[in-house]
Protein backbone atom coordinates (compact mmCIF):
# COMPACT_ATOMS: atom_id res chain seq x y z
CA UNK A 1 92.69 105.03 36.79
CA UNK A 2 94.97 107.13 35.11
CA UNK A 3 98.41 107.85 36.25
CA UNK A 4 99.40 111.04 34.10
CA UNK A 5 95.99 112.60 33.47
CA UNK A 6 97.89 115.47 31.41
CA UNK A 7 100.59 113.25 30.08
CA UNK A 8 98.54 113.97 26.28
CA UNK A 9 98.62 117.72 27.06
CA UNK A 10 102.10 117.80 28.22
CA UNK A 11 103.15 115.97 24.83
CA UNK A 12 101.76 118.51 22.99
CA UNK A 13 103.34 121.32 24.96
CA UNK A 14 106.56 119.59 24.09
CA UNK A 15 106.05 119.51 20.48
CA UNK A 16 105.31 123.03 20.40
CA UNK A 17 108.46 124.11 22.00
CA UNK A 18 110.60 121.94 20.00
CA UNK A 19 109.03 123.36 16.62
CA UNK A 20 112.09 124.63 15.56
CA UNK A 21 114.57 122.77 16.49
CA UNK A 22 113.24 118.98 15.94
CA UNK A 23 111.23 119.62 12.68
CA UNK A 24 113.87 117.26 10.71
CA UNK A 25 116.86 118.15 8.82
CA UNK A 26 115.22 117.55 5.68
CA UNK A 27 112.92 120.35 6.21
CA UNK A 28 115.34 123.18 6.56
CA UNK A 29 116.52 122.61 3.35
CA UNK A 30 112.98 122.65 1.42
CA UNK A 31 110.87 125.45 0.13
CA UNK A 32 108.35 127.32 2.21
CA UNK A 33 105.59 126.08 0.46
CA UNK A 34 106.81 122.24 1.64
CA UNK A 35 107.81 123.40 4.99
CA UNK A 36 104.22 124.36 5.71
CA UNK A 37 102.18 121.09 4.11
CA UNK A 38 100.76 119.10 6.13
CA UNK A 39 101.61 120.38 9.52
CA UNK A 40 100.23 122.82 12.00
CA UNK A 41 99.59 125.84 10.01
CA UNK A 42 100.24 128.07 12.96
CA UNK A 43 103.28 130.35 12.79
CA UNK A 44 105.85 128.81 14.73
CA UNK A 45 105.64 131.83 16.94
CA UNK A 46 102.31 130.97 18.18
CA UNK A 47 102.47 126.96 18.03
CA UNK A 48 106.19 128.09 20.72
CA UNK A 49 103.90 130.25 22.48
CA UNK A 50 100.90 127.81 23.01
CA UNK A 51 103.39 125.29 24.09
CA UNK A 52 104.74 127.63 26.86
CA UNK A 53 101.11 128.19 28.16
CA UNK A 54 100.44 124.17 28.25
CA UNK A 55 103.90 123.90 30.01
CA UNK A 56 102.76 126.66 32.77
CA UNK A 57 99.54 125.54 33.53
CA UNK A 58 100.90 122.01 34.10
CA UNK A 59 104.23 123.07 36.06
CA UNK A 60 101.93 125.81 38.47
CA UNK A 61 99.42 123.01 40.05
CA UNK A 62 102.47 120.87 40.29
CA UNK A 63 104.23 122.73 42.91
CA UNK A 64 101.26 122.40 45.00
CA UNK A 65 100.06 118.46 44.66
CA UNK A 66 101.67 116.00 46.99
CA UNK A 67 100.87 113.14 44.42
CA UNK A 68 103.61 111.80 43.28
CA UNK A 69 103.11 111.27 39.48
CA UNK A 70 103.11 115.20 38.88
CA UNK A 71 106.15 115.96 39.94
CA UNK A 72 107.60 113.30 38.42
CA UNK A 73 105.82 113.93 34.98
CA UNK A 74 107.09 117.42 35.02
CA UNK A 75 110.62 116.56 36.00
CA UNK A 76 110.76 114.04 33.09
CA UNK A 77 109.22 116.62 30.80
CA UNK A 78 111.90 119.61 31.49
CA UNK A 79 114.52 117.08 30.73
CA UNK A 80 113.31 115.98 27.41
CA UNK A 81 112.36 119.53 26.45
CA UNK A 82 115.80 121.19 28.06
CA UNK A 83 117.53 119.79 24.88
CA UNK A 84 115.20 121.08 22.21
CA UNK A 85 114.47 124.75 23.72
CA UNK A 86 118.29 124.77 24.11
CA UNK A 87 118.65 123.76 20.29
CA UNK A 88 116.02 126.03 19.15
CA UNK A 89 117.46 129.16 21.00
CA UNK A 90 121.14 127.94 19.56
CA UNK A 91 120.21 128.14 16.32
CA UNK A 92 118.20 131.21 16.43
CA UNK A 93 121.50 133.19 17.99
CA UNK A 94 124.43 131.81 16.05
CA UNK A 95 123.91 134.37 13.39
CA UNK A 96 123.09 137.28 15.54
CA UNK A 97 126.22 136.36 17.51
CA UNK A 98 128.39 135.73 14.49
CA UNK A 99 127.31 139.22 13.34
CA UNK A 100 128.00 140.92 16.21
CA UNK A 101 131.52 139.59 16.60
CA UNK A 102 132.20 140.09 12.51
CA UNK A 103 131.58 143.71 12.49
CA UNK A 104 132.69 144.36 16.12
CA UNK A 105 136.06 143.09 14.87
CA UNK A 106 135.79 144.66 11.29
CA UNK A 107 135.20 147.93 12.97
CA UNK A 108 138.86 148.17 13.86
CA UNK A 109 140.06 147.53 10.43
CA UNK A 110 137.22 149.90 8.97
CA UNK A 111 138.63 153.03 11.11
CA UNK A 112 142.39 151.82 9.73
CA UNK A 113 141.32 151.98 5.98
CA UNK A 114 139.32 154.83 6.01
CA UNK A 115 142.04 156.69 8.12
CA UNK A 116 144.33 155.83 5.72
CA UNK A 117 141.84 156.65 2.40
CA UNK A 118 143.25 153.47 0.83
CA UNK A 119 141.95 149.52 0.84
CA UNK A 120 146.01 149.02 0.53
CA UNK A 121 146.80 150.83 3.46
CA UNK A 122 149.54 149.74 5.95
CA UNK A 123 151.37 147.71 2.89
CA UNK A 124 147.94 145.44 2.70
CA UNK A 125 147.85 144.75 6.34
CA UNK A 126 144.87 146.61 7.24
CA UNK A 127 142.64 144.63 4.37
CA UNK A 128 144.39 141.28 5.21
CA UNK A 129 142.97 141.89 8.63
CA UNK A 130 139.66 142.59 7.96
CA UNK A 131 139.40 139.54 5.54
CA UNK A 132 140.29 137.58 8.55
CA UNK A 133 137.70 139.08 10.86
CA UNK A 134 134.77 137.28 9.56
CA UNK A 135 136.92 133.96 10.49
CA UNK A 136 137.63 134.81 13.57
CA UNK A 137 134.25 135.94 14.39
CA UNK A 138 133.25 132.63 13.68
CA UNK A 139 135.59 130.75 15.75
CA UNK A 140 134.55 132.89 18.63
CA UNK A 141 130.76 132.46 17.88
CA UNK A 142 131.53 128.38 18.02
CA UNK A 143 133.49 128.68 21.24
CA UNK A 144 130.54 130.39 22.46
CA UNK A 145 127.80 128.65 21.50
CA UNK A 146 129.92 125.28 22.57
CA UNK A 147 130.34 123.80 19.49
CA UNK A 148 133.67 122.47 17.96
CA UNK A 149 135.46 124.22 14.96
CA UNK A 150 134.96 121.02 13.36
CA UNK A 151 131.60 122.07 12.05
CA UNK A 152 133.00 124.58 10.10
CA UNK A 153 133.65 122.10 6.87
CA UNK A 154 137.55 121.92 7.28
CA UNK A 155 136.99 118.49 5.20
CA UNK A 156 138.59 118.66 1.71
CA UNK A 157 135.61 116.82 -0.26
CA UNK A 158 135.90 115.49 -3.81
CA UNK A 159 138.59 117.11 -5.94
CA UNK A 160 136.02 117.79 -8.61
CA UNK A 161 134.34 120.53 -6.83
CA UNK A 162 137.57 122.16 -5.81
CA UNK A 163 138.79 122.29 -9.67
CA UNK A 164 135.27 123.40 -10.36
CA UNK A 165 135.56 126.29 -8.10
CA UNK A 166 139.06 127.29 -9.55
CA UNK A 167 137.93 127.22 -13.31
CA UNK A 168 134.68 129.20 -12.80
CA UNK A 169 136.18 132.47 -11.79
CA UNK A 170 138.59 132.07 -14.70
CA UNK A 171 135.60 131.36 -17.06
CA UNK A 172 133.35 134.04 -16.25
CA UNK A 173 136.51 136.49 -16.25
CA UNK A 174 137.41 135.49 -19.66
CA UNK A 175 133.28 135.93 -20.84
CA UNK A 176 133.11 139.68 -18.99
CA UNK A 177 136.58 140.76 -20.58
CA UNK A 178 136.17 139.04 -23.67
CA UNK A 179 132.77 140.67 -23.94
CA UNK A 180 134.63 144.25 -22.88
CA UNK A 181 137.13 143.67 -25.79
CA UNK A 182 135.05 142.46 -28.35
CA UNK A 183 132.40 145.32 -28.03
CA UNK A 184 135.31 148.13 -27.37
CA UNK A 185 134.20 149.25 -24.21
CA UNK A 186 138.01 148.59 -23.38
CA UNK A 187 141.20 148.17 -25.19
CA UNK A 188 143.72 145.32 -24.73
CA UNK A 189 146.81 144.92 -24.39
CA UNK A 190 147.99 147.93 -21.67
CA UNK A 191 151.14 148.72 -22.29
CA UNK A 192 151.72 149.79 -18.88
CA UNK A 193 150.69 146.67 -18.04
CA UNK A 194 152.78 144.84 -20.54
CA UNK A 195 156.13 146.94 -19.97
CA UNK A 196 155.89 146.85 -16.08
CA UNK A 197 155.50 142.70 -16.16
CA UNK A 198 158.65 142.57 -18.23
CA UNK A 199 160.64 144.73 -16.09
CA UNK A 200 159.62 142.67 -13.03
CA UNK A 201 160.34 139.35 -14.67
CA UNK A 202 164.07 140.78 -15.48
CA UNK A 203 164.55 138.72 -18.80
CA UNK A 204 165.39 141.15 -20.92
CA UNK A 205 163.19 142.37 -23.55
CA UNK A 206 160.35 139.79 -24.64
CA UNK A 207 157.48 140.16 -26.98
CA UNK A 208 153.89 141.56 -25.43
CA UNK A 209 152.68 138.04 -25.70
CA UNK A 210 155.40 136.39 -24.12
CA UNK A 211 155.10 138.81 -20.93
CA UNK A 212 151.36 138.46 -21.14
CA UNK A 213 151.78 134.51 -20.80
CA UNK A 214 154.16 134.34 -18.28
CA UNK A 215 151.83 136.85 -16.37
CA UNK A 216 149.06 134.37 -16.92
CA UNK A 217 150.88 131.79 -15.32
CA UNK A 218 152.13 133.29 -12.31
CA UNK A 219 148.63 134.75 -11.54
CA UNK A 220 147.15 131.29 -12.29
CA UNK A 221 149.53 129.46 -9.83
CA UNK A 222 151.63 130.99 -7.16
CA UNK A 223 149.03 134.45 -7.40
CA UNK A 224 145.83 132.24 -6.70
CA UNK A 225 148.15 130.16 -3.90
CA UNK A 226 149.15 133.22 -2.38
CA UNK A 227 145.47 134.94 -2.05
CA UNK A 228 143.89 131.57 -0.59
CA UNK A 229 145.90 132.84 2.75
CA UNK A 230 143.41 135.87 2.72
CA UNK A 231 140.35 135.08 1.14
CA UNK A 232 140.42 131.60 3.92
CA UNK A 233 139.70 134.48 6.66
CA UNK A 234 136.37 135.76 4.64
CA UNK A 235 135.31 131.86 3.76
CA UNK A 236 135.84 130.18 7.37
CA UNK A 237 132.83 133.03 8.46
CA UNK A 238 131.08 133.48 5.16
CA UNK A 239 130.70 129.67 4.16
CA UNK A 240 132.13 127.87 7.10
CA UNK A 241 129.54 129.30 9.81
CA UNK A 242 126.97 131.66 8.09
CA UNK A 243 125.90 129.81 5.25
CA UNK A 244 125.21 126.22 6.93
CA UNK A 245 123.67 127.64 9.83
CA UNK A 246 121.27 129.77 7.53
CA UNK A 247 120.45 126.67 5.57
CA UNK A 248 118.73 125.12 8.53
CA UNK A 249 116.11 127.52 8.36
CA UNK A 250 115.76 129.02 4.58
CA UNK A 251 115.85 127.62 1.24
CA UNK A 252 118.77 127.35 -0.87
CA UNK A 253 117.67 130.60 -2.61
CA UNK A 254 117.04 132.08 0.85
CA UNK A 255 120.44 131.01 2.03
CA UNK A 256 122.38 132.06 -0.62
CA UNK A 257 120.62 135.64 -0.84
CA UNK A 258 120.91 136.58 2.98
CA UNK A 259 124.30 135.17 2.90
CA UNK A 260 125.38 137.42 0.01
CA UNK A 261 123.61 140.32 1.27
CA UNK A 262 125.66 140.36 4.44
CA UNK A 263 128.31 139.98 2.52
CA UNK A 264 127.97 142.59 0.42
CA UNK A 265 127.04 144.85 3.24
CA UNK A 266 130.02 144.04 5.06
CA UNK A 267 131.77 145.78 2.45
CA UNK A 268 130.20 149.21 2.52
CA UNK A 269 132.21 151.35 5.01
CA UNK A 270 135.38 150.25 2.52
CA UNK A 271 133.10 151.09 -0.68
CA UNK A 272 131.69 154.27 0.57
CA UNK A 273 134.45 155.97 2.72
CA UNK A 274 137.80 154.05 1.34
CA UNK A 275 138.70 153.91 -2.23
CA UNK A 276 137.58 149.90 -2.75
CA UNK A 277 135.49 150.81 -5.71
CA UNK A 278 135.26 151.75 -9.37
CA UNK A 279 135.69 155.50 -10.61
CA UNK A 280 132.24 155.32 -11.27
CA UNK A 281 129.35 157.59 -9.44
CA UNK A 282 128.26 155.89 -6.38
CA UNK A 283 124.73 155.35 -7.21
CA UNK A 284 126.01 153.14 -10.14
CA UNK A 285 128.68 151.12 -8.47
CA UNK A 286 127.08 150.60 -5.46
CA UNK A 287 123.80 149.08 -6.59
CA UNK A 288 126.07 147.08 -9.21
CA UNK A 289 127.75 145.49 -6.17
CA UNK A 290 124.85 144.93 -3.99
CA UNK A 291 123.11 142.65 -6.89
CA UNK A 292 126.12 140.67 -7.74
CA UNK A 293 127.28 139.54 -4.51
CA UNK A 294 123.80 138.09 -3.47
CA UNK A 295 123.79 136.65 -7.27
CA UNK A 296 127.61 134.99 -7.14
CA UNK A 297 126.55 133.47 -3.83
CA UNK A 298 124.36 130.98 -5.55
CA UNK A 299 127.46 129.31 -6.78
CA UNK A 300 129.38 129.68 -3.98
CA UNK A 301 126.56 128.67 -1.38
CA UNK A 302 125.62 125.59 -3.84
CA UNK A 303 129.09 124.53 -3.99
CA UNK A 304 129.46 124.75 -0.25
CA UNK A 305 126.41 122.75 0.79
CA UNK A 306 127.02 120.50 -2.22
CA UNK A 307 130.65 119.33 -1.44
CA UNK A 308 130.54 119.90 2.46
CA UNK A 309 133.69 121.66 2.17
CA UNK A 310 134.56 125.58 3.14
CA UNK A 311 137.39 125.22 1.09
CA UNK A 312 135.20 125.72 -2.18
CA UNK A 313 134.51 129.29 -1.08
CA UNK A 314 138.44 130.14 -0.36
CA UNK A 315 139.37 128.88 -3.94
CA UNK A 316 136.24 130.40 -5.65
CA UNK A 317 137.09 134.10 -3.67
CA UNK A 318 140.80 133.63 -4.23
CA UNK A 319 140.41 132.56 -7.97
CA UNK A 320 137.94 135.75 -8.77
CA UNK A 321 139.80 137.86 -6.89
CA UNK A 322 143.46 137.15 -8.51
CA UNK A 323 142.03 136.82 -12.21
CA UNK A 324 139.65 139.44 -12.18
CA UNK A 325 141.90 141.98 -10.03
CA UNK A 326 145.11 141.32 -10.76
CA UNK A 327 145.11 139.87 -14.13
CA UNK A 328 142.44 141.04 -16.73
CA UNK A 329 141.49 144.29 -14.94
CA UNK A 330 145.51 145.51 -15.20
CA UNK A 331 145.46 144.09 -18.91
CA UNK A 332 142.66 145.92 -20.11
CA UNK A 333 142.87 149.16 -21.49
CA UNK A 334 140.42 151.93 -19.58
CA UNK A 335 138.94 154.11 -21.93
CA UNK A 336 136.34 155.60 -18.88
CA UNK A 337 133.19 153.69 -20.92
CA UNK A 338 135.20 150.23 -19.54
CA UNK A 339 134.48 151.02 -16.06
CA UNK A 340 131.07 150.95 -16.31
CA UNK A 341 131.21 147.43 -17.69
CA UNK A 342 134.32 145.43 -16.89
CA UNK A 343 135.47 144.48 -13.26
CA UNK A 344 133.71 143.95 -10.26
CA UNK A 345 131.41 146.70 -10.54
CA UNK A 346 130.60 146.51 -13.80
CA UNK A 347 127.48 145.44 -15.66
CA UNK A 348 128.91 142.47 -17.35
CA UNK A 349 129.90 140.93 -14.13
CA UNK A 350 126.42 141.25 -12.91
CA UNK A 351 124.49 139.66 -16.10
CA UNK A 352 127.00 136.92 -15.84
CA UNK A 353 126.19 136.51 -12.24
CA UNK A 354 122.20 136.28 -12.76
CA UNK A 355 123.03 133.77 -15.08
CA UNK A 356 124.98 131.31 -13.11
CA UNK A 357 122.83 132.28 -9.98
CA UNK A 358 119.96 130.64 -12.45
CA UNK A 359 122.09 127.90 -13.30
CA UNK A 360 122.67 126.66 -9.99
CA UNK A 361 118.87 127.11 -8.72
CA UNK A 362 118.05 124.81 -11.64
CA UNK A 363 120.40 122.04 -9.53
CA UNK A 364 119.26 123.09 -5.87
CA UNK A 365 117.55 119.55 -5.86
CA UNK A 366 121.07 117.96 -5.92
CA UNK A 367 121.63 119.23 -2.54
CA UNK A 368 119.10 117.32 -0.93
CA UNK A 369 121.31 114.43 -0.29
CA UNK A 370 123.80 116.33 1.39
CA UNK A 371 121.26 117.47 3.80
CA UNK A 372 122.09 114.94 6.81
CA UNK A 373 126.03 115.95 6.52
CA UNK A 374 125.14 119.69 6.87
CA UNK A 375 123.11 119.38 9.92
CA UNK A 376 125.57 116.82 11.28
CA UNK A 377 128.30 119.00 10.91
CA UNK A 378 126.24 122.11 11.95
CA UNK A 379 125.67 120.35 15.41
CA UNK A 380 128.93 118.85 15.91
């Protein structure tokens, strides 16, 4: 006599319901082709629907039967699959909740920046507040989902990743502006910048090279460190929460592109309605920016997943902002063509970003060893 005549079908139901959440950590990071090889070829939605159908068929007659085995089986099944269902729903809702919090909080600072007409409005406080919105959103999302904030990747990780994250933006800034200077798309040095720096140092008259050297020294040290205070806010959200969350469901390339697109779209209000853009036509700077961020996100994403630390993103971001915006751009003489090639909204950075994306994509295989750590952190 079979005590649990429908146990096999019930196990099919559980397997279908747990498809998205119990598939295995490594499968979150494999390519789409690898994810669907050797498994049920039906889409996840169909498999989930099938699981619910079988479960419903089992549950309904169970309520009408007096045999002791059916209620026990159903109760055990509900207990077993509850965690799978909650985990699946948690994964699906995490990104949406984060984005709602992020754009909801950001709307306050969008309004203030747009009203003032300047990203630097409020003495820079509006921009600083905006940059912290993704971070606050990540913390609120963790609270909403019942996760610990230690899942965001606070550990420092290996120093070589942090050092690389400091040097990479410096390297592509040198390449970008070196190209601009050598091709005469822009001149160097900008005397206004040199004279202003000399005056600020208050050390009296000095050669241009000495003023430039001192400017670089302070930019590369205290400038980067100070900028970490604001980039930390963004990176808690983008790389602390969003990237690991996306990596549960998408390949490395998919995670980098999606997070980069979200990152770009988040800038739209201050790009289109304030002054955070180059003095070029919208039809030029907007596509450049929208393409550059997903490309450069390959660097940010690889470093985050490889190191397990959100601090790689903080340092990358601070190094980029400081070297690009505070040193190389003001050092360069803008001859109207410069803005089309140099800077964050220029074609040169886009080309370099695409080359970096291709390079880090070829190294995606190195991320397989970090899969268990990332999923463990995300579920902590």
